[in-house]
Amino acid sequence: MSTRVSRRVALKAFGSAAAAVPMLPLLSHEAALVFGAIQKTRAAAAPRALSRAQFATLEALVEAIIPADERSPGAREARVADYVDLLLSETGDPLKQQWLDGLTLLDAEAGSRFSRPFARLSGSQAEMLLSEISRNELSPQTPLEKFFVTTKNATIHGYYTSEIGIHKELRYQGNQPLPEFVGCQTVDGKDCEWCGQKADRCEMKNEK
């Protein structure tokens, strides 16, 4: 199995859950607002559930799964690691611990093979290591193999719910992501940026 996900394969996988390993739950409304703000402001990473070292490992891993290409940025710029960290900050301890253990196993494997943590591997070293881990992707057996499948699923979901995944990769030109419904602003006598209604036109209708 390929460790990197082609955009077409990723989009196909986004519409269906992998049977071998369950997906993470969805972000809460509050966390979705935070994720939107992180992407909009490009704020520095401030992990909530992970340590800085764990976050660096996760960030390197998701970028290895969906790297930047000539069409669009990769998972790192789409802030997929922030997405996963927010999810983990809201999950119960068993699921969170599985991720912490998985990141530890990945760094241990990288250290055993290349004497450095995963985040410091070269592109070819990361590809070599992940190729081995993903060999049984359809029927993962070891904790590290299962962790990779879980991370791959979460990376795909996080990427295609991000601003970059929706607009730069899919080139979606329709509705913009709206994390919070604020209502039509003509109620306050303003032109509404959401529905396009003009305040003066709305007032004329009300007078009639």
N, C-alpha and C. Protein backbone atom coordinates (compact mmCIF):
# COMPACT_ATOMS: atom_id res chain seq x y z
N MET A 1 0.84 -1.18 0.00
CA MET A 1 0.00 0.00 0.00
C MET A 1 0.88 1.24 0.00
N SER A 2 0.45 2.31 -0.65
CA SER A 2 1.22 3.54 -0.67
C SER A 2 1.00 4.32 0.62
N THR A 3 2.09 4.86 1.18
CA THR A 3 1.95 5.64 2.40
C THR A 3 1.36 7.00 2.09
N ARG A 4 1.65 7.53 0.93
CA ARG A 4 1.08 8.82 0.53
C ARG A 4 -0.27 8.60 -0.11
N VAL A 5 -1.17 9.52 0.12
CA VAL A 5 -2.53 9.40 -0.40
C VAL A 5 -2.70 10.33 -1.59
N SER A 6 -3.01 9.76 -2.75
CA SER A 6 -3.31 10.61 -3.88
C SER A 6 -4.60 11.36 -3.60
N ARG A 7 -4.76 12.52 -4.20
CA ARG A 7 -5.94 13.32 -3.92
C ARG A 7 -7.23 12.55 -4.27
N ARG A 8 -7.22 11.81 -5.36
CA ARG A 8 -8.41 11.07 -5.77
C ARG A 8 -8.74 9.97 -4.78
N VAL A 9 -7.71 9.24 -4.33
CA VAL A 9 -7.92 8.18 -3.35
C VAL A 9 -8.40 8.76 -2.03
N ALA A 10 -7.82 9.90 -1.65
CA ALA A 10 -8.21 10.53 -0.38
C ALA A 10 -9.66 10.97 -0.42
N LEU A 11 -10.08 11.54 -1.53
CA LEU A 11 -11.45 12.02 -1.64
C LEU A 11 -12.43 10.85 -1.61
N LYS A 12 -12.05 9.74 -2.24
CA LYS A 12 -12.91 8.55 -2.21
C LYS A 12 -13.02 8.00 -0.80
N ALA A 13 -11.90 7.98 -0.10
CA ALA A 13 -11.90 7.46 1.27
C ALA A 13 -12.66 8.37 2.22
N PHE A 14 -12.70 9.66 1.90
CA PHE A 14 -13.40 10.62 2.77
C PHE A 14 -14.88 10.29 2.88
N GLY A 15 -15.44 9.70 1.85
CA GLY A 15 -16.87 9.41 1.85
C GLY A 15 -17.23 8.10 2.50
N SER A 16 -16.23 7.32 2.94
CA SER A 16 -16.53 6.03 3.57
C SER A 16 -15.54 5.76 4.68
N ALA A 17 -16.00 5.22 5.77
CA ALA A 17 -15.14 4.92 6.91
C ALA A 17 -14.42 3.60 6.68
N ALA A 18 -13.17 3.53 7.14
CA ALA A 18 -12.42 2.28 7.03
C ALA A 18 -12.96 1.28 8.03
N ALA A 19 -13.09 0.03 7.60
CA ALA A 19 -13.70 -0.99 8.45
C ALA A 19 -12.74 -1.47 9.54
N ALA A 20 -11.44 -1.47 9.24
CA ALA A 20 -10.49 -2.07 10.17
C ALA A 20 -10.31 -1.27 11.45
N VAL A 21 -10.31 0.06 11.34
CA VAL A 21 -10.06 0.92 12.49
C VAL A 21 -11.09 2.02 12.52
N PRO A 22 -11.76 2.27 13.65
CA PRO A 22 -12.79 3.31 13.71
C PRO A 22 -12.22 4.71 13.57
N MET A 23 -13.04 5.60 12.99
CA MET A 23 -12.66 6.99 12.85
C MET A 23 -12.79 7.69 14.20
N LEU A 24 -12.10 8.82 14.33
CA LEU A 24 -12.29 9.67 15.49
C LEU A 24 -13.66 10.33 15.40
N PRO A 25 -14.21 10.74 16.52
CA PRO A 25 -15.48 11.47 16.48
C PRO A 25 -15.28 12.83 15.83
N LEU A 26 -16.39 13.50 15.54
CA LEU A 26 -16.33 14.83 14.92
C LEU A 26 -16.00 15.88 15.97
N LEU A 27 -15.49 17.01 15.49
CA LEU A 27 -15.25 18.14 16.39
C LEU A 27 -16.57 18.67 16.93
N SER A 28 -16.54 19.12 18.16
CA SER A 28 -17.70 19.81 18.70
C SER A 28 -17.83 21.16 18.00
N HIS A 29 -18.96 21.82 18.22
CA HIS A 29 -19.18 23.14 17.62
C HIS A 29 -18.09 24.12 18.07
N GLU A 30 -17.78 24.09 19.35
CA GLU A 30 -16.77 25.01 19.88
C GLU A 30 -15.40 24.74 19.29
N ALA A 31 -15.04 23.46 19.18
CA ALA A 31 -13.73 23.12 18.62
C ALA A 31 -13.66 23.44 17.13
N ALA A 32 -14.80 23.30 16.42
CA ALA A 32 -14.83 23.66 15.00
C ALA A 32 -14.56 25.15 14.82
N LEU A 33 -15.08 25.97 15.72
CA LEU A 33 -14.82 27.41 15.67
C LEU A 33 -13.34 27.69 15.89
N VAL A 34 -12.75 26.97 16.83
CA VAL A 34 -11.32 27.15 17.10
C VAL A 34 -10.50 26.73 15.88
N PHE A 35 -10.86 25.60 15.28
CA PHE A 35 -10.13 25.13 14.10
C PHE A 35 -10.23 26.14 12.96
N GLY A 36 -11.41 26.70 12.76
CA GLY A 36 -11.58 27.71 11.73
C GLY A 36 -10.72 28.93 11.99
N ALA A 37 -10.64 29.35 13.26
CA ALA A 37 -9.83 30.52 13.61
C ALA A 37 -8.34 30.24 13.42
N ILE A 38 -7.91 29.04 13.74
CA ILE A 38 -6.50 28.66 13.56
C ILE A 38 -6.11 28.78 12.09
N GLN A 39 -6.98 28.29 11.21
CA GLN A 39 -6.69 28.35 9.77
C GLN A 39 -6.72 29.78 9.26
N LYS A 40 -7.69 30.55 9.73
CA LYS A 40 -7.86 31.91 9.24
C LYS A 40 -6.72 32.82 9.67
N THR A 41 -6.32 32.71 10.93
CA THR A 41 -5.28 33.59 11.46
C THR A 41 -3.87 33.04 11.29
N ARG A 42 -3.78 31.74 10.93
CA ARG A 42 -2.49 31.07 10.82
C ARG A 42 -1.70 31.19 12.12
N ALA A 43 -2.42 31.04 13.21
CA ALA A 43 -1.81 31.15 14.53
C ALA A 43 -0.78 30.04 14.75
N ALA A 44 0.20 30.34 15.57
CA ALA A 44 1.20 29.32 15.90
C ALA A 44 0.51 28.16 16.62
N ALA A 45 1.02 26.97 16.40
CA ALA A 45 0.43 25.80 17.04
C ALA A 45 0.51 25.92 18.55
N ALA A 46 -0.59 25.59 19.21
CA ALA A 46 -0.65 25.59 20.67
C ALA A 46 -1.37 24.33 21.10
N PRO A 47 -0.68 23.18 21.08
CA PRO A 47 -1.33 21.89 21.36
C PRO A 47 -2.04 21.86 22.71
N ARG A 48 -3.21 21.23 22.70
CA ARG A 48 -4.00 21.11 23.92
C ARG A 48 -3.87 19.72 24.53
N ALA A 49 -3.84 18.70 23.69
CA ALA A 49 -3.81 17.32 24.17
C ALA A 49 -2.42 16.70 24.07
N LEU A 50 -1.60 17.21 23.17
CA LEU A 50 -0.29 16.63 22.91
C LEU A 50 0.82 17.53 23.43
N SER A 51 1.97 16.93 23.70
CA SER A 51 3.15 17.72 24.02
C SER A 51 3.70 18.29 22.72
N ARG A 52 4.63 19.21 22.83
CA ARG A 52 5.24 19.81 21.64
C ARG A 52 5.92 18.74 20.79
N ALA A 53 6.61 17.82 21.43
CA ALA A 53 7.31 16.76 20.69
C ALA A 53 6.32 15.83 20.01
N GLN A 54 5.24 15.48 20.71
CA GLN A 54 4.21 14.62 20.11
C GLN A 54 3.53 15.32 18.94
N PHE A 55 3.29 16.61 19.09
CA PHE A 55 2.65 17.38 18.02
C PHE A 55 3.56 17.43 16.79
N ALA A 56 4.86 17.60 17.00
CA ALA A 56 5.81 17.63 15.89
C ALA A 56 5.82 16.29 15.15
N THR A 57 5.75 15.20 15.89
CA THR A 57 5.68 13.88 15.26
C THR A 57 4.42 13.74 14.43
N LEU A 58 3.28 14.15 15.01
CA LEU A 58 2.01 14.06 14.30
C LEU A 58 2.01 14.94 13.05
N GLU A 59 2.55 16.14 13.16
CA GLU A 59 2.58 17.06 12.03
C GLU A 59 3.40 16.49 10.88
N ALA A 60 4.54 15.89 11.20
CA ALA A 60 5.37 15.27 10.17
C ALA A 60 4.67 14.07 9.54
N LEU A 61 3.93 13.32 10.36
CA LEU A 61 3.25 12.12 9.87
C LEU A 61 2.11 12.49 8.91
N VAL A 62 1.27 13.46 9.28
CA VAL A 62 0.14 13.81 8.41
C VAL A 62 0.63 14.43 7.10
N GLU A 63 1.74 15.17 7.15
CA GLU A 63 2.29 15.74 5.92
C GLU A 63 2.86 14.65 5.02
N ALA A 64 3.40 13.59 5.62
CA ALA A 64 3.90 12.47 4.83
C ALA A 64 2.74 11.73 4.15
N ILE A 65 1.57 11.75 4.79
CA ILE A 65 0.40 11.07 4.22
C ILE A 65 -0.24 11.89 3.11
N ILE A 66 -0.44 13.19 3.33
CA ILE A 66 -0.95 14.08 2.27
C ILE A 66 0.02 15.25 2.14
N PRO A 67 1.06 15.07 1.32
CA PRO A 67 2.05 16.13 1.14
C PRO A 67 1.56 17.20 0.17
N ALA A 68 2.22 18.33 0.19
CA ALA A 68 1.92 19.38 -0.78
C ALA A 68 2.26 18.87 -2.18
N ASP A 69 1.50 19.30 -3.18
CA ASP A 69 1.81 18.98 -4.56
C ASP A 69 1.57 20.21 -5.42
N GLU A 70 1.62 20.02 -6.75
CA GLU A 70 1.50 21.17 -7.64
C GLU A 70 0.09 21.77 -7.63
N ARG A 71 -0.88 21.05 -7.11
CA ARG A 71 -2.26 21.54 -7.11
C ARG A 71 -2.62 22.31 -5.84
N SER A 72 -2.16 21.80 -4.70
CA SER A 72 -2.59 22.40 -3.44
C SER A 72 -1.61 22.09 -2.32
N PRO A 73 -1.64 22.87 -1.23
CA PRO A 73 -0.78 22.59 -0.07
C PRO A 73 -1.13 21.26 0.57
N GLY A 74 -0.25 20.79 1.43
CA GLY A 74 -0.46 19.50 2.08
C GLY A 74 -1.12 19.62 3.44
N ALA A 75 -1.08 18.52 4.18
CA ALA A 75 -1.77 18.44 5.47
C ALA A 75 -1.17 19.36 6.51
N ARG A 76 0.13 19.63 6.41
CA ARG A 76 0.75 20.52 7.39
C ARG A 76 0.15 21.92 7.32
N GLU A 77 0.10 22.48 6.10
CA GLU A 77 -0.44 23.83 5.93
C GLU A 77 -1.95 23.87 6.17
N ALA A 78 -2.63 22.75 5.94
CA ALA A 78 -4.07 22.68 6.21
C ALA A 78 -4.36 22.55 7.70
N ARG A 79 -3.33 22.46 8.50
CA ARG A 79 -3.43 22.41 9.97
C ARG A 79 -4.14 21.15 10.46
N VAL A 80 -3.86 20.05 9.76
CA VAL A 80 -4.49 18.78 10.14
C VAL A 80 -4.04 18.32 11.52
N ALA A 81 -2.79 18.58 11.87
CA ALA A 81 -2.32 18.19 13.21
C ALA A 81 -3.10 18.94 14.29
N ASP A 82 -3.42 20.21 14.03
CA ASP A 82 -4.23 20.98 14.98
C ASP A 82 -5.63 20.37 15.09
N TYR A 83 -6.16 19.94 13.94
CA TYR A 83 -7.48 19.30 13.91
C TYR A 83 -7.49 18.05 14.80
N VAL A 84 -6.49 17.19 14.64
CA VAL A 84 -6.42 15.97 15.44
C VAL A 84 -6.23 16.30 16.92
N ASP A 85 -5.36 17.27 17.20
CA ASP A 85 -5.12 17.65 18.60
C ASP A 85 -6.40 18.15 19.26
N LEU A 86 -7.20 18.93 18.53
CA LEU A 86 -8.48 19.39 19.06
C LEU A 86 -9.42 18.22 19.33
N LEU A 87 -9.45 17.26 18.40
CA LEU A 87 -10.28 16.07 18.62
C LEU A 87 -9.84 15.32 19.88
N LEU A 88 -8.54 15.15 20.03
CA LEU A 88 -8.03 14.40 21.18
C LEU A 88 -8.31 15.14 22.49
N SER A 89 -8.36 16.47 22.43
CA SER A 89 -8.64 17.24 23.63
C SER A 89 -10.07 17.04 24.11
N GLU A 90 -10.93 16.52 23.23
CA GLU A 90 -12.34 16.32 23.58
C GLU A 90 -12.71 14.85 23.77
N THR A 91 -11.80 13.95 23.46
CA THR A 91 -12.12 12.52 23.55
C THR A 91 -11.86 11.97 24.94
N GLY A 92 -12.38 10.79 25.18
CA GLY A 92 -12.13 10.12 26.45
C GLY A 92 -10.70 9.61 26.55
N ASP A 93 -10.29 9.27 27.75
CA ASP A 93 -8.91 8.86 27.98
C ASP A 93 -8.46 7.64 27.18
N PRO A 94 -9.29 6.59 27.02
CA PRO A 94 -8.80 5.41 26.27
C PRO A 94 -8.37 5.74 24.85
N LEU A 95 -9.18 6.51 24.12
CA LEU A 95 -8.85 6.85 22.74
C LEU A 95 -7.64 7.76 22.68
N LYS A 96 -7.61 8.74 23.56
CA LYS A 96 -6.45 9.64 23.60
C LYS A 96 -5.18 8.87 23.89
N GLN A 97 -5.25 7.92 24.83
CA GLN A 97 -4.07 7.14 25.18
C GLN A 97 -3.59 6.29 24.01
N GLN A 98 -4.51 5.79 23.20
CA GLN A 98 -4.12 5.03 22.01
C GLN A 98 -3.27 5.88 21.08
N TRP A 99 -3.66 7.15 20.93
CA TRP A 99 -2.88 8.04 20.07
C TRP A 99 -1.52 8.36 20.68
N LEU A 100 -1.49 8.61 21.96
CA LEU A 100 -0.21 8.89 22.62
C LEU A 100 0.72 7.69 22.50
N ASP A 101 0.16 6.50 22.69
CA ASP A 101 0.97 5.29 22.56
C ASP A 101 1.44 5.11 21.11
N GLY A 102 0.56 5.42 20.15
CA GLY A 102 0.93 5.28 18.74
C GLY A 102 2.06 6.21 18.35
N LEU A 103 2.02 7.44 18.81
CA LEU A 103 3.08 8.40 18.52
C LEU A 103 4.39 7.95 19.16
N THR A 104 4.30 7.40 20.37
CA THR A 104 5.50 6.88 21.05
C THR A 104 6.09 5.71 20.27
N LEU A 105 5.24 4.81 19.81
CA LEU A 105 5.70 3.67 19.03
C LEU A 105 6.37 4.11 17.73
N LEU A 106 5.78 5.12 17.07
CA LEU A 106 6.35 5.61 15.81
C LEU A 106 7.72 6.21 16.03
N ASP A 107 7.87 7.02 17.07
CA ASP A 107 9.18 7.61 17.35
C ASP A 107 10.20 6.54 17.77
N ALA A 108 9.73 5.54 18.49
CA ALA A 108 10.63 4.45 18.90
C ALA A 108 11.11 3.67 17.68
N GLU A 109 10.22 3.43 16.74
CA GLU A 109 10.60 2.71 15.52
C GLU A 109 11.58 3.54 14.69
N ALA A 110 11.33 4.84 14.60
CA ALA A 110 12.24 5.73 13.87
C ALA A 110 13.61 5.76 14.55
N GLY A 111 13.60 5.79 15.89
CA GLY A 111 14.86 5.81 16.62
C GLY A 111 15.64 4.52 16.45
N SER A 112 14.90 3.40 16.42
CA SER A 112 15.55 2.10 16.26
C SER A 112 16.22 1.96 14.90
N ARG A 113 15.58 2.51 13.88
CA ARG A 113 16.09 2.35 12.52
C ARG A 113 17.06 3.45 12.11
N PHE A 114 16.78 4.67 12.55
CA PHE A 114 17.57 5.80 12.04
C PHE A 114 18.19 6.67 13.13
N SER A 115 18.02 6.27 14.39
CA SER A 115 18.61 6.98 15.53
C SER A 115 18.16 8.43 15.64
N ARG A 116 16.92 8.67 15.29
CA ARG A 116 16.35 10.01 15.44
C ARG A 116 14.83 9.91 15.45
N PRO A 117 14.13 10.88 16.03
CA PRO A 117 12.66 10.82 16.07
C PRO A 117 12.07 11.00 14.67
N PHE A 118 10.82 10.60 14.52
CA PHE A 118 10.18 10.62 13.21
C PHE A 118 10.18 12.02 12.59
N ALA A 119 9.97 13.04 13.39
CA ALA A 119 9.89 14.40 12.86
C ALA A 119 11.20 14.87 12.24
N ARG A 120 12.29 14.20 12.55
CA ARG A 120 13.61 14.60 12.04
C ARG A 120 14.11 13.67 10.93
N LEU A 121 13.27 12.76 10.48
CA LEU A 121 13.68 11.88 9.38
C LEU A 121 13.68 12.64 8.06
N SER A 122 14.51 12.21 7.14
CA SER A 122 14.46 12.75 5.79
C SER A 122 13.22 12.20 5.09
N GLY A 123 12.88 12.78 3.95
CA GLY A 123 11.71 12.31 3.21
C GLY A 123 11.82 10.85 2.83
N SER A 124 13.00 10.43 2.40
CA SER A 124 13.18 9.03 1.99
C SER A 124 13.13 8.09 3.18
N GLN A 125 13.67 8.52 4.32
CA GLN A 125 13.63 7.69 5.52
C GLN A 125 12.20 7.51 6.02
N ALA A 126 11.43 8.61 6.02
CA ALA A 126 10.02 8.54 6.44
C ALA A 126 9.23 7.62 5.52
N GLU A 127 9.48 7.75 4.22
CA GLU A 127 8.78 6.92 3.24
C GLU A 127 9.12 5.43 3.45
N MET A 128 10.38 5.16 3.71
CA MET A 128 10.80 3.77 3.94
C MET A 128 10.12 3.18 5.17
N LEU A 129 10.09 3.97 6.25
CA LEU A 129 9.49 3.50 7.49
C LEU A 129 7.99 3.30 7.35
N LEU A 130 7.31 4.26 6.76
CA LEU A 130 5.85 4.18 6.62
C LEU A 130 5.44 3.10 5.62
N SER A 131 6.28 2.85 4.63
CA SER A 131 5.98 1.77 3.68
C SER A 131 5.92 0.43 4.40
N GLU A 132 6.81 0.25 5.36
CA GLU A 132 6.83 -0.99 6.13
C GLU A 132 5.61 -1.06 7.06
N ILE A 133 5.29 0.05 7.72
CA ILE A 133 4.17 0.07 8.67
C ILE A 133 2.83 -0.13 7.96
N SER A 134 2.72 0.38 6.74
CA SER A 134 1.44 0.33 6.02
C SER A 134 1.28 -0.92 5.16
N ARG A 135 2.21 -1.84 5.27
CA ARG A 135 2.18 -3.03 4.41
C ARG A 135 0.91 -3.85 4.62
N ASN A 136 0.40 -3.87 5.84
CA ASN A 136 -0.83 -4.61 6.14
C ASN A 136 -2.00 -3.66 6.37
N GLU A 137 -2.08 -2.62 5.59
CA GLU A 137 -3.07 -1.58 5.84
C GLU A 137 -4.51 -2.09 5.80
N LEU A 138 -4.80 -3.06 4.95
CA LEU A 138 -6.16 -3.57 4.84
C LEU A 138 -6.55 -4.46 6.01
N SER A 139 -5.57 -5.02 6.68
CA SER A 139 -5.84 -5.85 7.86
C SER A 139 -4.72 -5.65 8.88
N PRO A 140 -4.65 -4.46 9.46
CA PRO A 140 -3.57 -4.16 10.41
C PRO A 140 -3.63 -5.07 11.63
N GLN A 141 -2.44 -5.49 12.08
CA GLN A 141 -2.36 -6.42 13.20
C GLN A 141 -1.69 -5.80 14.42
N THR A 142 -0.57 -5.17 14.23
CA THR A 142 0.18 -4.62 15.36
C THR A 142 -0.39 -3.26 15.75
N PRO A 143 -0.13 -2.83 17.00
CA PRO A 143 -0.60 -1.50 17.43
C PRO A 143 -0.10 -0.38 16.53
N LEU A 144 1.13 -0.48 16.03
CA LEU A 144 1.66 0.57 15.17
C LEU A 144 0.96 0.58 13.81
N GLU A 145 0.66 -0.60 13.28
CA GLU A 145 -0.07 -0.68 12.01
C GLU A 145 -1.48 -0.09 12.16
N LYS A 146 -2.13 -0.40 13.27
CA LYS A 146 -3.47 0.14 13.50
C LYS A 146 -3.42 1.65 13.70
N PHE A 147 -2.39 2.12 14.37
CA PHE A 147 -2.23 3.56 14.57
C PHE A 147 -2.07 4.28 13.24
N PHE A 148 -1.31 3.70 12.33
CA PHE A 148 -1.12 4.34 11.03
C PHE A 148 -2.44 4.45 10.28
N VAL A 149 -3.25 3.40 10.28
CA VAL A 149 -4.53 3.43 9.58
C VAL A 149 -5.45 4.48 10.21
N THR A 150 -5.48 4.53 11.53
CA THR A 150 -6.30 5.54 12.22
C THR A 150 -5.85 6.94 11.84
N THR A 151 -4.54 7.16 11.82
CA THR A 151 -4.01 8.48 11.49
C THR A 151 -4.30 8.84 10.04
N LYS A 152 -4.20 7.86 9.16
CA LYS A 152 -4.48 8.12 7.75
C LYS A 152 -5.94 8.53 7.56
N ASN A 153 -6.86 7.84 8.23
CA ASN A 153 -8.27 8.19 8.15
C ASN A 153 -8.52 9.59 8.69
N ALA A 154 -7.94 9.89 9.85
CA ALA A 154 -8.12 11.20 10.46
C ALA A 154 -7.50 12.30 9.61
N THR A 155 -6.37 12.02 8.96
CA THR A 155 -5.71 13.00 8.10
C THR A 155 -6.60 13.35 6.91
N ILE A 156 -7.17 12.34 6.30
CA ILE A 156 -8.05 12.57 5.15
C ILE A 156 -9.26 13.40 5.56
N HIS A 157 -9.87 13.03 6.69
CA HIS A 157 -11.06 13.75 7.14
C HIS A 157 -10.71 15.19 7.51
N GLY A 158 -9.62 15.37 8.25
CA GLY A 158 -9.21 16.72 8.63
C GLY A 158 -8.87 17.58 7.42
N TYR A 159 -8.21 16.98 6.44
CA TYR A 159 -7.80 17.75 5.26
C TYR A 159 -9.00 18.23 4.46
N TYR A 160 -9.97 17.35 4.27
CA TYR A 160 -11.11 17.71 3.44
C TYR A 160 -12.23 18.42 4.20
N THR A 161 -11.99 18.75 5.45
CA THR A 161 -12.88 19.66 6.16
C THR A 161 -12.17 20.98 6.47
N SER A 162 -10.97 21.14 5.94
CA SER A 162 -10.21 22.37 6.14
C SER A 162 -10.47 23.35 5.01
N GLU A 163 -10.11 24.59 5.22
CA GLU A 163 -10.24 25.62 4.20
C GLU A 163 -9.43 25.26 2.95
N ILE A 164 -8.22 24.77 3.16
CA ILE A 164 -7.36 24.39 2.03
C ILE A 164 -7.95 23.21 1.27
N GLY A 165 -8.40 22.20 1.99
CA GLY A 165 -8.96 21.02 1.33
C GLY A 165 -10.20 21.35 0.53
N ILE A 166 -11.05 22.21 1.08
CA ILE A 166 -12.31 22.55 0.41
C ILE A 166 -12.09 23.47 -0.79
N HIS A 167 -11.30 24.52 -0.61
CA HIS A 167 -11.23 25.56 -1.64
C HIS A 167 -9.99 25.47 -2.53
N LYS A 168 -8.83 25.11 -1.98
CA LYS A 168 -7.64 25.05 -2.81
C LYS A 168 -7.50 23.71 -3.51
N GLU A 169 -7.90 22.62 -2.83
CA GLU A 169 -7.80 21.30 -3.44
C GLU A 169 -9.03 20.98 -4.29
N LEU A 170 -10.23 21.10 -3.69
CA LEU A 170 -11.45 20.78 -4.43
C LEU A 170 -11.90 21.90 -5.36
N ARG A 171 -11.30 23.10 -5.18
CA ARG A 171 -11.67 24.27 -5.98
C ARG A 171 -13.16 24.59 -5.85
N TYR A 172 -13.70 24.35 -4.67
CA TYR A 172 -15.13 24.60 -4.46
C TYR A 172 -15.38 26.11 -4.47
N GLN A 173 -16.32 26.53 -5.30
CA GLN A 173 -16.60 27.95 -5.47
C GLN A 173 -17.95 28.35 -4.90
N GLY A 174 -18.61 27.42 -4.24
CA GLY A 174 -19.94 27.71 -3.72
C GLY A 174 -19.89 28.37 -2.36
N ASN A 175 -20.73 27.89 -1.45
CA ASN A 175 -20.82 28.49 -0.12
C ASN A 175 -19.50 28.40 0.61
N GLN A 176 -19.17 29.43 1.36
CA GLN A 176 -17.98 29.43 2.19
C GLN A 176 -18.27 28.67 3.48
N PRO A 177 -17.26 28.04 4.09
CA PRO A 177 -17.49 27.37 5.37
C PRO A 177 -18.00 28.39 6.39
N LEU A 178 -19.10 28.07 7.05
CA LEU A 178 -19.71 28.99 8.01
C LEU A 178 -19.83 28.28 9.34
N PRO A 179 -18.83 28.46 10.24
CA PRO A 179 -18.85 27.74 11.51
C PRO A 179 -19.96 28.19 12.45
N GLU A 180 -20.50 29.39 12.21
CA GLU A 180 -21.55 29.91 13.09
C GLU A 180 -22.58 30.68 12.29
N PHE A 181 -23.87 30.38 12.46
CA PHE A 181 -24.93 31.10 11.76
C PHE A 181 -25.25 32.36 12.55
N VAL A 182 -25.06 33.52 11.91
CA VAL A 182 -25.26 34.78 12.62
C VAL A 182 -26.57 35.45 12.25
N GLY A 183 -27.31 34.91 11.29
CA GLY A 183 -28.57 35.52 10.89
C GLY A 183 -28.35 36.65 9.90
N CYS A 184 -29.44 37.06 9.24
CA CYS A 184 -29.35 38.13 8.26
C CYS A 184 -29.10 39.47 8.96
N GLN A 185 -28.07 40.17 8.52
CA GLN A 185 -27.67 41.39 9.21
C GLN A 185 -28.53 42.60 8.84
N THR A 186 -29.45 42.41 7.87
CA THR A 186 -30.34 43.53 7.56
C THR A 186 -31.28 43.82 8.72
N VAL A 187 -31.41 42.86 9.63
CA VAL A 187 -32.23 43.09 10.83
C VAL A 187 -31.65 44.24 11.65
N ASP A 188 -30.34 44.39 11.58
CA ASP A 188 -29.66 45.47 12.30
C ASP A 188 -29.42 46.68 11.41
N GLY A 189 -30.08 46.73 10.26
CA GLY A 189 -29.94 47.87 9.36
C GLY A 189 -28.65 47.88 8.57
N LYS A 190 -28.02 46.71 8.41
CA LYS A 190 -26.76 46.63 7.67
C LYS A 190 -26.95 45.78 6.42
N ASP A 191 -26.09 46.00 5.42
CA ASP A 191 -26.05 45.09 4.29
C ASP A 191 -25.52 43.76 4.78
N CYS A 192 -26.14 42.66 4.36
CA CYS A 192 -25.76 41.33 4.86
C CYS A 192 -24.72 40.68 3.95
N GLU A 193 -23.55 40.39 4.49
CA GLU A 193 -22.49 39.76 3.70
C GLU A 193 -22.77 38.29 3.43
N TRP A 194 -23.68 37.68 4.19
CA TRP A 194 -23.96 36.26 4.03
C TRP A 194 -24.97 35.99 2.93
N CYS A 195 -26.11 36.72 2.94
CA CYS A 195 -27.15 36.43 1.96
C CYS A 195 -27.18 37.44 0.81
N GLY A 196 -26.41 38.54 0.93
CA GLY A 196 -26.35 39.53 -0.14
C GLY A 196 -27.47 40.55 -0.11
N GLN A 197 -28.37 40.44 0.85
CA GLN A 197 -29.49 41.38 0.95
C GLN A 197 -28.99 42.76 1.36
N LYS A 198 -29.55 43.80 0.69
CA LYS A 198 -29.21 45.18 1.01
C LYS A 198 -30.19 45.73 2.03
N ALA A 199 -29.68 46.48 2.99
CA ALA A 199 -30.52 46.99 4.06
C ALA A 199 -31.61 47.91 3.53
N ASP A 200 -31.29 48.78 2.58
CA ASP A 200 -32.28 49.72 2.07
C ASP A 200 -33.39 48.99 1.32
N ARG A 201 -33.03 47.92 0.59
CA ARG A 201 -34.04 47.15 -0.14
C ARG A 201 -34.96 46.42 0.82
N CYS A 202 -34.37 45.92 1.91
CA CYS A 202 -35.17 45.21 2.91
C CYS A 202 -36.15 46.18 3.57
N GLU A 203 -35.71 47.41 3.83
CA GLU A 203 -36.58 48.41 4.46
C GLU A 203 -37.75 48.75 3.56
N MET A 204 -37.50 48.83 2.23
CA MET A 204 -38.56 49.13 1.27
C MET A 204 -39.62 48.04 1.29
N LYS A 205 -39.18 46.79 1.38
CA LYS A 205 -40.13 45.67 1.43
C LYS A 205 -40.97 45.74 2.69
N ASN A 206 -40.32 46.10 3.82
CA ASN A 206 -41.05 46.15 5.09
C ASN A 206 -42.10 47.27 5.07
N GLU A 207 -41.77 48.41 4.41
CA GLU A 207 -42.70 49.52 4.32
C GLU A 207 -43.95 49.15 3.54
N LYS A 208 -43.77 48.31 2.51
CA LYS A 208 -44.93 47.87 1.72
C LYS A 208 -45.81 46.93 2.52
